Amino acid sequence: CRQEQKKELSQLLGSGKESFDRFRLDLYPAEYDPRLKTSPRELMQFIYNSAVRYAKTFTPASGSLLFSGPTGLGKTFLSACIARTVADRGYSVVYDTAGRVFTDFETAKFSLRGEESRKLTKKYLSCDLLILDDLGTEMTTQFVVSALYQILNTRLMESRATIVSTNIPEMELGARYSPQIASRLLGSFVLYKFAGSDIRMMKNP
């Protein structure tokens, strides 16, 4: 099962460019930002070091992380670096966008029955590390809210590690989803707030 998950992970990550060695801190401004009380580069250095340490010392009880910030700041890239490193250390990792995860839960509920239904969603609930990327880009329905609550609550109750990346400001999570979901994300996850300029725009002016 772990080998199949690792194969699926490799297909999602693609060519293997998701390596901590390729993370470029020089793309983040070095100037002091009074709102951050530091520079974006120093802040991202701290987040980068924390991500490397998390990946290299990972156990299923390592705790959960919330990557928050505007688009194009490296949340997806760092999440993928963690996914690859943790998987290479022999742990089961499931990495996917929030939209595709919720689509699987919807398919399992409305289109499948019995063992097929359980099998489709079981990997998201039972893997050692679940990485839910781009939360907030999906169409938020009552079903999505219910599925997200099930994922977060089940994994927290079973002490399984989860990483969530989102463009939604942390103070808007309760309104977008529910107070219960916001409470779990902000109360049980370690929050890392990314800062800087859109790296994609810098690379493709």
N, C-alpha and C. Protein backbone atom coordinates (compact mmCIF):
# COMPACT_ATOMS: atom_id res chain seq x y z
N CYS A 1 0.82 -1.18 0.00
CA CYS A 1 0.00 0.00 0.00
C CYS A 1 0.88 1.26 0.00
N ARG A 2 1.95 1.25 0.83
CA ARG A 2 2.86 2.38 0.88
C ARG A 2 3.56 2.58 -0.46
N GLN A 3 3.94 1.48 -1.11
CA GLN A 3 4.60 1.58 -2.41
C GLN A 3 3.66 2.18 -3.46
N GLU A 4 2.40 1.78 -3.41
CA GLU A 4 1.42 2.33 -4.35
C GLU A 4 1.20 3.82 -4.10
N GLN A 5 1.15 4.21 -2.82
CA GLN A 5 0.98 5.63 -2.49
C GLN A 5 2.19 6.43 -2.94
N LYS A 6 3.39 5.85 -2.78
CA LYS A 6 4.59 6.56 -3.20
C LYS A 6 4.62 6.71 -4.73
N LYS A 7 4.17 5.67 -5.45
CA LYS A 7 4.10 5.75 -6.91
C LYS A 7 3.12 6.84 -7.34
N GLU A 8 1.96 6.88 -6.67
CA GLU A 8 0.96 7.91 -6.97
C GLU A 8 1.50 9.30 -6.65
N LEU A 9 2.23 9.40 -5.55
CA LEU A 9 2.83 10.68 -5.17
C LEU A 9 3.83 11.15 -6.22
N SER A 10 4.64 10.23 -6.72
CA SER A 10 5.63 10.58 -7.74
C SER A 10 4.96 11.09 -9.00
N GLN A 11 3.82 10.50 -9.35
CA GLN A 11 3.10 10.94 -10.54
C GLN A 11 2.55 12.34 -10.35
N LEU A 12 2.08 12.65 -9.15
CA LEU A 12 1.54 13.98 -8.87
C LEU A 12 2.64 15.04 -8.84
N LEU A 13 3.79 14.68 -8.28
CA LEU A 13 4.86 15.66 -8.14
C LEU A 13 5.63 15.86 -9.43
N GLY A 14 5.58 14.88 -10.32
CA GLY A 14 6.18 15.09 -11.64
C GLY A 14 7.66 14.80 -11.70
N SER A 15 8.43 15.78 -12.17
CA SER A 15 9.82 15.53 -12.58
C SER A 15 10.82 15.46 -11.43
N GLY A 16 10.39 15.70 -10.22
CA GLY A 16 11.32 15.60 -9.10
C GLY A 16 12.04 16.89 -8.77
N LYS A 17 11.54 18.01 -9.26
CA LYS A 17 12.17 19.30 -8.97
C LYS A 17 11.86 19.79 -7.55
N GLU A 18 10.94 19.12 -6.88
CA GLU A 18 10.52 19.55 -5.55
C GLU A 18 11.55 19.10 -4.51
N SER A 19 12.63 19.84 -4.43
CA SER A 19 13.72 19.52 -3.51
C SER A 19 14.05 20.74 -2.68
N PHE A 20 14.33 20.53 -1.40
CA PHE A 20 14.70 21.65 -0.54
C PHE A 20 15.90 22.41 -1.10
N ASP A 21 16.79 21.71 -1.80
CA ASP A 21 17.98 22.36 -2.36
C ASP A 21 17.63 23.38 -3.44
N ARG A 22 16.44 23.29 -3.99
CA ARG A 22 16.04 24.19 -5.07
C ARG A 22 15.21 25.37 -4.57
N PHE A 23 15.01 25.44 -3.27
CA PHE A 23 14.22 26.55 -2.71
C PHE A 23 15.09 27.81 -2.68
N ARG A 24 14.63 28.87 -3.32
CA ARG A 24 15.45 30.07 -3.50
C ARG A 24 15.02 31.20 -2.56
N LEU A 25 15.77 31.39 -1.51
CA LEU A 25 15.48 32.46 -0.57
C LEU A 25 15.78 33.84 -1.17
N ASP A 26 16.63 33.87 -2.20
CA ASP A 26 16.98 35.16 -2.80
C ASP A 26 15.79 35.81 -3.53
N LEU A 27 14.71 35.06 -3.73
CA LEU A 27 13.54 35.62 -4.39
C LEU A 27 12.64 36.40 -3.43
N TYR A 28 12.97 36.36 -2.15
CA TYR A 28 12.18 37.06 -1.15
C TYR A 28 12.89 38.36 -0.75
N PRO A 29 12.16 39.47 -0.62
CA PRO A 29 12.78 40.76 -0.30
C PRO A 29 13.57 40.72 1.00
N ALA A 30 14.75 41.33 0.98
CA ALA A 30 15.61 41.38 2.17
C ALA A 30 15.35 42.62 3.01
N GLU A 31 14.53 43.56 2.49
CA GLU A 31 14.27 44.80 3.22
C GLU A 31 13.35 44.56 4.41
N TYR A 32 13.62 45.25 5.47
CA TYR A 32 12.81 45.14 6.70
C TYR A 32 11.38 45.58 6.43
N ASP A 33 10.42 44.80 6.91
CA ASP A 33 9.00 45.12 6.77
C ASP A 33 8.43 45.35 8.17
N PRO A 34 8.02 46.58 8.48
CA PRO A 34 7.53 46.86 9.84
C PRO A 34 6.31 46.04 10.22
N ARG A 35 5.51 45.64 9.24
CA ARG A 35 4.33 44.82 9.55
C ARG A 35 4.75 43.43 10.02
N LEU A 36 5.85 42.92 9.48
CA LEU A 36 6.34 41.59 9.86
C LEU A 36 7.30 41.66 11.04
N LYS A 37 7.85 42.86 11.28
CA LYS A 37 8.90 43.07 12.29
C LYS A 37 10.16 42.28 11.94
N THR A 38 10.32 42.03 10.65
CA THR A 38 11.50 41.37 10.11
C THR A 38 11.41 41.54 8.59
N SER A 39 12.33 40.96 7.86
CA SER A 39 12.21 40.99 6.40
C SER A 39 11.54 39.71 5.92
N PRO A 40 10.87 39.76 4.76
CA PRO A 40 10.29 38.53 4.20
C PRO A 40 11.33 37.42 4.05
N ARG A 41 12.56 37.79 3.70
CA ARG A 41 13.60 36.77 3.51
C ARG A 41 13.94 36.07 4.83
N GLU A 42 14.07 36.84 5.90
CA GLU A 42 14.37 36.23 7.19
C GLU A 42 13.20 35.37 7.67
N LEU A 43 11.99 35.86 7.44
CA LEU A 43 10.82 35.07 7.81
C LEU A 43 10.79 33.76 7.05
N MET A 44 11.05 33.81 5.74
CA MET A 44 11.02 32.61 4.94
C MET A 44 12.19 31.68 5.26
N GLN A 45 13.29 32.24 5.70
CA GLN A 45 14.41 31.41 6.15
C GLN A 45 13.98 30.57 7.35
N PHE A 46 13.25 31.21 8.26
CA PHE A 46 12.74 30.50 9.44
C PHE A 46 11.76 29.41 9.03
N ILE A 47 10.83 29.74 8.12
CA ILE A 47 9.84 28.75 7.68
C ILE A 47 10.53 27.60 6.94
N TYR A 48 11.49 27.94 6.09
CA TYR A 48 12.24 26.92 5.35
C TYR A 48 12.95 25.97 6.32
N ASN A 49 13.66 26.53 7.31
CA ASN A 49 14.38 25.70 8.28
C ASN A 49 13.40 24.80 9.05
N SER A 50 12.26 25.35 9.40
CA SER A 50 11.25 24.57 10.13
C SER A 50 10.72 23.43 9.26
N ALA A 51 10.50 23.70 7.97
CA ALA A 51 9.99 22.67 7.05
C ALA A 51 11.01 21.54 6.87
N VAL A 52 12.28 21.92 6.72
CA VAL A 52 13.34 20.90 6.57
C VAL A 52 13.41 20.03 7.82
N ARG A 53 13.39 20.66 8.97
CA ARG A 53 13.47 19.91 10.22
C ARG A 53 12.27 18.99 10.38
N TYR A 54 11.08 19.49 10.03
CA TYR A 54 9.86 18.69 10.13
C TYR A 54 9.96 17.46 9.24
N ALA A 55 10.42 17.64 8.01
CA ALA A 55 10.49 16.53 7.05
C ALA A 55 11.54 15.50 7.46
N LYS A 56 12.67 15.97 7.92
CA LYS A 56 13.79 15.06 8.21
C LYS A 56 13.65 14.34 9.54
N THR A 57 12.77 14.84 10.41
CA THR A 57 12.56 14.19 11.71
C THR A 57 11.14 13.67 11.84
N PHE A 58 10.42 13.59 10.72
CA PHE A 58 9.00 13.28 10.75
C PHE A 58 8.70 11.92 11.38
N THR A 59 7.65 11.92 12.19
CA THR A 59 6.95 10.70 12.61
C THR A 59 5.46 11.02 12.50
N PRO A 60 4.60 10.00 12.48
CA PRO A 60 3.17 10.28 12.37
C PRO A 60 2.63 11.16 13.50
N ALA A 61 3.38 11.28 14.59
CA ALA A 61 2.96 12.12 15.71
C ALA A 61 3.65 13.48 15.71
N SER A 62 4.21 13.88 14.56
CA SER A 62 4.96 15.14 14.49
C SER A 62 4.09 16.38 14.60
N GLY A 63 2.78 16.21 14.50
CA GLY A 63 1.90 17.37 14.56
C GLY A 63 1.58 17.89 13.17
N SER A 64 0.67 18.85 13.12
CA SER A 64 0.14 19.34 11.85
C SER A 64 0.55 20.79 11.62
N LEU A 65 0.64 21.17 10.33
CA LEU A 65 1.09 22.50 9.93
C LEU A 65 0.03 23.17 9.07
N LEU A 66 -0.07 24.49 9.22
CA LEU A 66 -0.94 25.30 8.37
C LEU A 66 -0.09 26.35 7.67
N PHE A 67 0.03 26.23 6.34
CA PHE A 67 0.77 27.21 5.54
C PHE A 67 -0.23 28.22 4.99
N SER A 68 -0.09 29.48 5.36
CA SER A 68 -1.04 30.50 4.99
C SER A 68 -0.34 31.67 4.32
N GLY A 69 -1.00 32.27 3.32
CA GLY A 69 -0.42 33.43 2.67
C GLY A 69 -0.91 33.57 1.25
N PRO A 70 -0.68 34.73 0.63
CA PRO A 70 -1.12 34.96 -0.75
C PRO A 70 -0.51 33.96 -1.73
N THR A 71 -1.03 33.94 -2.93
CA THR A 71 -0.56 33.01 -3.94
C THR A 71 0.87 33.33 -4.38
N GLY A 72 1.59 32.31 -4.81
CA GLY A 72 2.91 32.50 -5.41
C GLY A 72 4.04 32.71 -4.44
N LEU A 73 3.89 32.27 -3.18
CA LEU A 73 4.94 32.50 -2.18
C LEU A 73 5.69 31.23 -1.78
N GLY A 74 5.37 30.11 -2.43
CA GLY A 74 6.13 28.89 -2.17
C GLY A 74 5.46 27.88 -1.26
N LYS A 75 4.19 28.08 -0.94
CA LYS A 75 3.51 27.13 -0.05
C LYS A 75 3.43 25.74 -0.68
N THR A 76 3.01 25.70 -1.94
CA THR A 76 2.89 24.41 -2.64
C THR A 76 4.25 23.76 -2.81
N PHE A 77 5.26 24.54 -3.16
CA PHE A 77 6.59 23.99 -3.38
C PHE A 77 7.15 23.38 -2.09
N LEU A 78 7.06 24.10 -0.98
CA LEU A 78 7.58 23.56 0.29
C LEU A 78 6.78 22.34 0.72
N SER A 79 5.46 22.37 0.50
CA SER A 79 4.64 21.20 0.83
C SER A 79 5.10 19.98 0.04
N ALA A 80 5.39 20.18 -1.25
CA ALA A 80 5.85 19.08 -2.09
C ALA A 80 7.21 18.58 -1.66
N CYS A 81 8.10 19.48 -1.24
CA CYS A 81 9.43 19.08 -0.73
C CYS A 81 9.27 18.19 0.50
N ILE A 82 8.37 18.60 1.40
CA ILE A 82 8.11 17.79 2.60
C ILE A 82 7.56 16.43 2.20
N ALA A 83 6.60 16.42 1.27
CA ALA A 83 5.99 15.16 0.82
C ALA A 83 7.04 14.19 0.30
N ARG A 84 7.91 14.68 -0.57
CA ARG A 84 8.92 13.80 -1.17
C ARG A 84 9.90 13.28 -0.12
N THR A 85 10.35 14.16 0.77
CA THR A 85 11.32 13.76 1.79
C THR A 85 10.73 12.74 2.75
N VAL A 86 9.51 13.00 3.21
CA VAL A 86 8.86 12.08 4.16
C VAL A 86 8.58 10.73 3.49
N ALA A 87 8.14 10.74 2.24
CA ALA A 87 7.88 9.49 1.52
C ALA A 87 9.17 8.70 1.33
N ASP A 88 10.27 9.40 1.01
CA ASP A 88 11.55 8.73 0.83
C ASP A 88 12.05 8.08 2.12
N ARG A 89 11.56 8.56 3.25
CA ARG A 89 11.95 7.97 4.54
C ARG A 89 11.07 6.78 4.91
N GLY A 90 10.13 6.41 4.03
CA GLY A 90 9.36 5.19 4.22
C GLY A 90 7.98 5.37 4.80
N TYR A 91 7.55 6.61 4.98
CA TYR A 91 6.21 6.84 5.51
C TYR A 91 5.19 6.96 4.38
N SER A 92 3.93 6.67 4.70
CA SER A 92 2.88 6.80 3.69
C SER A 92 2.42 8.26 3.63
N VAL A 93 2.49 8.82 2.43
CA VAL A 93 2.15 10.23 2.22
C VAL A 93 1.11 10.33 1.11
N VAL A 94 0.07 11.10 1.37
CA VAL A 94 -0.92 11.41 0.34
C VAL A 94 -0.91 12.92 0.16
N TYR A 95 -0.67 13.34 -1.08
CA TYR A 95 -0.56 14.76 -1.41
C TYR A 95 -1.51 15.06 -2.57
N ASP A 96 -2.40 16.02 -2.38
CA ASP A 96 -3.30 16.38 -3.48
C ASP A 96 -3.93 17.73 -3.19
N THR A 97 -4.55 18.29 -4.22
CA THR A 97 -5.24 19.56 -4.03
C THR A 97 -6.55 19.31 -3.29
N ALA A 98 -7.00 20.32 -2.58
CA ALA A 98 -8.26 20.19 -1.84
C ALA A 98 -9.40 19.85 -2.78
N GLY A 99 -9.43 20.46 -3.96
CA GLY A 99 -10.51 20.21 -4.91
C GLY A 99 -10.62 18.74 -5.29
N ARG A 100 -9.49 18.10 -5.57
CA ARG A 100 -9.53 16.69 -5.96
C ARG A 100 -9.89 15.79 -4.79
N VAL A 101 -9.43 16.15 -3.60
CA VAL A 101 -9.78 15.36 -2.41
C VAL A 101 -11.29 15.40 -2.18
N PHE A 102 -11.87 16.58 -2.25
CA PHE A 102 -13.31 16.69 -2.01
C PHE A 102 -14.11 16.01 -3.12
N THR A 103 -13.59 16.02 -4.34
CA THR A 103 -14.25 15.30 -5.43
C THR A 103 -14.29 13.80 -5.14
N ASP A 104 -13.20 13.27 -4.60
CA ASP A 104 -13.17 11.85 -4.24
C ASP A 104 -14.20 11.54 -3.15
N PHE A 105 -14.31 12.41 -2.16
CA PHE A 105 -15.30 12.18 -1.09
C PHE A 105 -16.72 12.24 -1.66
N GLU A 106 -16.95 13.15 -2.61
CA GLU A 106 -18.28 13.25 -3.23
C GLU A 106 -18.58 12.01 -4.06
N THR A 107 -17.58 11.54 -4.81
CA THR A 107 -17.76 10.32 -5.61
C THR A 107 -18.05 9.13 -4.71
N ALA A 108 -17.30 9.03 -3.60
CA ALA A 108 -17.49 7.91 -2.68
C ALA A 108 -18.89 7.91 -2.08
N LYS A 109 -19.42 9.08 -1.81
CA LYS A 109 -20.73 9.16 -1.15
C LYS A 109 -21.88 8.93 -2.12
N PHE A 110 -21.77 9.49 -3.33
CA PHE A 110 -22.93 9.50 -4.21
C PHE A 110 -22.85 8.52 -5.39
N SER A 111 -21.65 8.00 -5.68
CA SER A 111 -21.51 7.16 -6.86
C SER A 111 -21.02 5.74 -6.57
N LEU A 112 -20.52 5.50 -5.37
CA LEU A 112 -19.98 4.19 -5.04
C LEU A 112 -20.69 3.61 -3.83
N ARG A 113 -20.51 2.33 -3.62
CA ARG A 113 -21.13 1.66 -2.49
C ARG A 113 -20.12 0.74 -1.81
N GLY A 114 -20.31 0.50 -0.53
CA GLY A 114 -19.57 -0.51 0.21
C GLY A 114 -18.07 -0.30 0.21
N GLU A 115 -17.34 -1.38 -0.12
CA GLU A 115 -15.89 -1.38 -0.02
C GLU A 115 -15.25 -0.39 -0.99
N GLU A 116 -15.81 -0.23 -2.18
CA GLU A 116 -15.26 0.72 -3.15
C GLU A 116 -15.30 2.14 -2.59
N SER A 117 -16.39 2.47 -1.94
CA SER A 117 -16.55 3.80 -1.36
C SER A 117 -15.53 4.02 -0.24
N ARG A 118 -15.39 3.05 0.64
CA ARG A 118 -14.45 3.18 1.76
C ARG A 118 -13.01 3.26 1.26
N LYS A 119 -12.69 2.48 0.24
CA LYS A 119 -11.32 2.44 -0.27
C LYS A 119 -10.91 3.78 -0.87
N LEU A 120 -11.84 4.46 -1.54
CA LEU A 120 -11.51 5.71 -2.21
C LEU A 120 -11.09 6.79 -1.22
N THR A 121 -11.73 6.83 -0.06
CA THR A 121 -11.45 7.90 0.91
C THR A 121 -10.55 7.46 2.06
N LYS A 122 -10.35 6.15 2.22
CA LYS A 122 -9.58 5.66 3.36
C LYS A 122 -8.17 6.22 3.38
N LYS A 123 -7.54 6.36 2.20
CA LYS A 123 -6.15 6.81 2.16
C LYS A 123 -5.99 8.19 2.76
N TYR A 124 -7.02 9.05 2.61
CA TYR A 124 -6.92 10.40 3.15
C TYR A 124 -7.01 10.41 4.68
N LEU A 125 -7.64 9.41 5.23
CA LEU A 125 -7.85 9.36 6.67
C LEU A 125 -6.78 8.56 7.40
N SER A 126 -6.14 7.60 6.71
CA SER A 126 -5.27 6.67 7.41
C SER A 126 -3.78 6.81 7.10
N CYS A 127 -3.41 7.63 6.10
CA CYS A 127 -1.98 7.77 5.77
C CYS A 127 -1.23 8.46 6.91
N ASP A 128 0.10 8.26 6.93
CA ASP A 128 0.93 8.87 7.97
C ASP A 128 0.92 10.39 7.86
N LEU A 129 0.96 10.90 6.63
CA LEU A 129 0.95 12.34 6.40
C LEU A 129 0.02 12.66 5.23
N LEU A 130 -0.96 13.52 5.49
CA LEU A 130 -1.84 14.02 4.44
C LEU A 130 -1.47 15.48 4.18
N ILE A 131 -1.25 15.81 2.90
CA ILE A 131 -1.00 17.20 2.52
C ILE A 131 -2.14 17.67 1.64
N LEU A 132 -2.90 18.62 2.16
CA LEU A 132 -4.07 19.16 1.49
C LEU A 132 -3.69 20.53 0.94
N ASP A 133 -3.45 20.60 -0.36
CA ASP A 133 -2.92 21.80 -0.97
C ASP A 133 -4.04 22.68 -1.54
N ASP A 134 -3.81 23.99 -1.50
CA ASP A 134 -4.73 24.96 -2.14
C ASP A 134 -6.13 24.93 -1.56
N LEU A 135 -6.25 24.78 -0.26
CA LEU A 135 -7.58 24.87 0.36
C LEU A 135 -8.13 26.28 0.12
N GLY A 136 -9.36 26.34 -0.37
CA GLY A 136 -9.97 27.63 -0.65
C GLY A 136 -10.17 27.87 -2.13
N THR A 137 -9.53 27.05 -2.98
CA THR A 137 -9.71 27.21 -4.42
C THR A 137 -10.91 26.41 -4.92
N GLU A 138 -11.42 25.51 -4.07
CA GLU A 138 -12.57 24.71 -4.45
C GLU A 138 -13.86 25.51 -4.26
N MET A 139 -14.94 25.06 -4.87
CA MET A 139 -16.25 25.65 -4.61
C MET A 139 -16.72 25.15 -3.25
N THR A 140 -16.94 26.05 -2.32
CA THR A 140 -17.26 25.66 -0.95
C THR A 140 -18.75 25.42 -0.79
N THR A 141 -19.12 24.16 -0.67
CA THR A 141 -20.51 23.76 -0.47
C THR A 141 -20.65 23.17 0.93
N GLN A 142 -21.87 22.89 1.33
CA GLN A 142 -22.09 22.26 2.63
C GLN A 142 -21.43 20.88 2.67
N PHE A 143 -21.42 20.19 1.52
CA PHE A 143 -20.77 18.89 1.48
C PHE A 143 -19.26 19.02 1.69
N VAL A 144 -18.65 20.02 1.06
CA VAL A 144 -17.21 20.26 1.23
C VAL A 144 -16.89 20.55 2.69
N VAL A 145 -17.70 21.39 3.33
CA VAL A 145 -17.49 21.71 4.74
C VAL A 145 -17.55 20.44 5.59
N SER A 146 -18.52 19.59 5.30
CA SER A 146 -18.68 18.34 6.05
C SER A 146 -17.48 17.41 5.83
N ALA A 147 -17.02 17.30 4.57
CA ALA A 147 -15.88 16.43 4.26
C ALA A 147 -14.60 16.96 4.91
N LEU A 148 -14.40 18.26 4.87
CA LEU A 148 -13.21 18.84 5.48
C LEU A 148 -13.21 18.61 6.99
N TYR A 149 -14.35 18.79 7.62
CA TYR A 149 -14.45 18.54 9.05
C TYR A 149 -14.13 17.07 9.36
N GLN A 150 -14.66 16.17 8.55
CA GLN A 150 -14.40 14.74 8.77
C GLN A 150 -12.91 14.44 8.67
N ILE A 151 -12.25 15.00 7.66
CA ILE A 151 -10.82 14.76 7.47
C ILE A 151 -10.02 15.29 8.65
N LEU A 152 -10.24 16.56 8.98
CA LEU A 152 -9.46 17.18 10.05
C LEU A 152 -9.73 16.52 11.39
N ASN A 153 -10.99 16.32 11.71
CA ASN A 153 -11.34 15.78 13.03
C ASN A 153 -10.85 14.35 13.19
N THR A 154 -11.04 13.52 12.15
CA THR A 154 -10.59 12.12 12.23
C THR A 154 -9.09 12.04 12.43
N ARG A 155 -8.33 12.82 11.67
CA ARG A 155 -6.88 12.75 11.75
C ARG A 155 -6.37 13.32 13.08
N LEU A 156 -7.00 14.37 13.58
CA LEU A 156 -6.59 14.91 14.87
C LEU A 156 -6.90 13.91 16.00
N MET A 157 -8.08 13.29 15.94
CA MET A 157 -8.45 12.32 16.97
C MET A 157 -7.51 11.12 16.98
N GLU A 158 -6.99 10.76 15.80
CA GLU A 158 -6.09 9.61 15.70
C GLU A 158 -4.62 10.03 15.72
N SER A 159 -4.36 11.31 16.01
CA SER A 159 -2.99 11.84 16.11
C SER A 159 -2.18 11.59 14.84
N ARG A 160 -2.80 11.84 13.70
CA ARG A 160 -2.12 11.70 12.41
C ARG A 160 -1.78 13.10 11.88
N ALA A 161 -0.60 13.23 11.30
CA ALA A 161 -0.11 14.53 10.85
C ALA A 161 -0.78 14.97 9.55
N THR A 162 -1.07 16.26 9.47
CA THR A 162 -1.69 16.85 8.29
C THR A 162 -1.04 18.20 8.01
N ILE A 163 -0.83 18.50 6.73
CA ILE A 163 -0.38 19.84 6.32
C ILE A 163 -1.43 20.42 5.41
N VAL A 164 -1.88 21.63 5.72
CA VAL A 164 -2.87 22.33 4.89
C VAL A 164 -2.24 23.63 4.41
N SER A 165 -2.33 23.89 3.10
CA SER A 165 -1.89 25.19 2.58
C SER A 165 -3.11 25.92 2.03
N THR A 166 -3.16 27.23 2.28
CA THR A 166 -4.33 28.00 1.87
C THR A 166 -3.98 29.45 1.61
N ASN A 167 -4.72 30.08 0.69
CA ASN A 167 -4.60 31.51 0.45
C ASN A 167 -5.57 32.31 1.31
N ILE A 168 -6.45 31.63 2.03
CA ILE A 168 -7.47 32.30 2.83
C ILE A 168 -6.84 32.83 4.12
N PRO A 169 -6.97 34.12 4.42
CA PRO A 169 -6.47 34.65 5.69
C PRO A 169 -7.08 33.89 6.86
N GLU A 170 -6.28 33.68 7.90
CA GLU A 170 -6.74 32.82 8.99
C GLU A 170 -8.01 33.35 9.66
N MET A 171 -8.20 34.67 9.67
CA MET A 171 -9.38 35.23 10.31
C MET A 171 -10.65 35.02 9.48
N GLU A 172 -10.51 34.56 8.24
CA GLU A 172 -11.68 34.32 7.38
C GLU A 172 -12.07 32.85 7.29
N LEU A 173 -11.30 31.99 7.94
CA LEU A 173 -11.57 30.55 7.83
C LEU A 173 -12.92 30.18 8.43
N GLY A 174 -13.27 30.80 9.56
CA GLY A 174 -14.53 30.48 10.21
C GLY A 174 -15.73 30.83 9.36
N ALA A 175 -15.65 31.98 8.67
CA ALA A 175 -16.76 32.40 7.81
C ALA A 175 -16.83 31.56 6.54
N ARG A 176 -15.68 31.16 6.01
CA ARG A 176 -15.64 30.38 4.77
C ARG A 176 -16.11 28.95 5.01
N TYR A 177 -15.71 28.36 6.11
CA TYR A 177 -16.04 26.97 6.41
C TYR A 177 -16.98 26.87 7.61
N SER A 178 -16.41 26.83 8.80
CA SER A 178 -17.23 26.82 10.01
C SER A 178 -16.33 27.16 11.20
N PRO A 179 -16.90 27.66 12.30
CA PRO A 179 -16.09 27.94 13.49
C PRO A 179 -15.37 26.69 13.99
N GLN A 180 -16.01 25.52 13.84
CA GLN A 180 -15.38 24.28 14.31
C GLN A 180 -14.12 23.95 13.51
N ILE A 181 -14.20 24.17 12.19
CA ILE A 181 -13.04 23.91 11.33
C ILE A 181 -11.94 24.92 11.61
N ALA A 182 -12.31 26.19 11.74
CA ALA A 182 -11.32 27.22 12.05
C ALA A 182 -10.64 26.93 13.38
N SER A 183 -11.41 26.48 14.36
CA SER A 183 -10.85 26.16 15.67
C SER A 183 -9.81 25.05 15.58
N ARG A 184 -10.07 24.05 14.77
CA ARG A 184 -9.11 22.96 14.63
C ARG A 184 -7.87 23.41 13.86
N LEU A 185 -8.06 24.19 12.80
CA LEU A 185 -6.90 24.63 12.01
C LEU A 185 -6.02 25.60 12.79
N LEU A 186 -6.64 26.50 13.54
CA LEU A 186 -5.87 27.52 14.24
C LEU A 186 -5.45 27.10 15.65
N GLY A 187 -6.15 26.11 16.19
CA GLY A 187 -5.84 25.68 17.54
C GLY A 187 -4.96 24.45 17.63
N SER A 188 -5.00 23.60 16.60
CA SER A 188 -4.26 22.33 16.65
C SER A 188 -3.16 22.23 15.61
N PHE A 189 -3.05 23.20 14.71
CA PHE A 189 -2.00 23.24 13.69
C PHE A 189 -1.01 24.34 14.04
N VAL A 190 0.25 24.13 13.69
CA VAL A 190 1.25 25.19 13.81
C VAL A 190 1.14 26.08 12.58
N LEU A 191 0.88 27.37 12.78
CA LEU A 191 0.65 28.31 11.69
C LEU A 191 1.95 28.93 11.21
N TYR A 192 2.18 28.86 9.89
CA TYR A 192 3.31 29.56 9.25
C TYR A 192 2.73 30.51 8.21
N LYS A 193 2.93 31.81 8.41
CA LYS A 193 2.40 32.82 7.50
C LYS A 193 3.49 33.25 6.53
N PHE A 194 3.29 32.92 5.25
CA PHE A 194 4.27 33.23 4.21
C PHE A 194 4.14 34.70 3.82
N ALA A 195 5.27 35.28 3.41
CA ALA A 195 5.28 36.69 3.00
C ALA A 195 6.27 36.88 1.86
N GLY A 196 6.09 37.97 1.10
CA GLY A 196 6.99 38.27 0.00
C GLY A 196 6.22 38.70 -1.23
N SER A 197 6.88 38.62 -2.38
CA SER A 197 6.25 38.96 -3.66
C SER A 197 5.97 37.68 -4.43
N ASP A 198 4.99 37.74 -5.33
CA ASP A 198 4.59 36.57 -6.11
C ASP A 198 5.76 36.06 -6.94
N ILE A 199 6.29 34.89 -6.57
CA ILE A 199 7.47 34.34 -7.23
C ILE A 199 7.17 33.96 -8.67
N ARG A 200 5.96 33.48 -8.94
CA ARG A 200 5.60 33.11 -10.31
C ARG A 200 5.67 34.33 -11.23
N MET A 201 5.21 35.46 -10.74
CA MET A 201 5.24 36.69 -11.53
C MET A 201 6.68 37.14 -11.76
N MET A 202 7.53 36.96 -10.75
CA MET A 202 8.93 37.35 -10.88
C MET A 202 9.66 36.49 -11.90
N LYS A 203 9.33 35.20 -11.96
CA LYS A 203 9.98 34.30 -12.89
C LYS A 203 9.44 34.45 -14.31
N ASN A 204 8.18 34.95 -14.43
CA ASN A 204 7.56 35.11 -15.74
C ASN A 204 7.01 36.52 -15.87
N PRO A 205 7.88 37.53 -15.97
CA PRO A 205 7.44 38.92 -16.03
C PRO A 205 6.61 39.20 -17.29
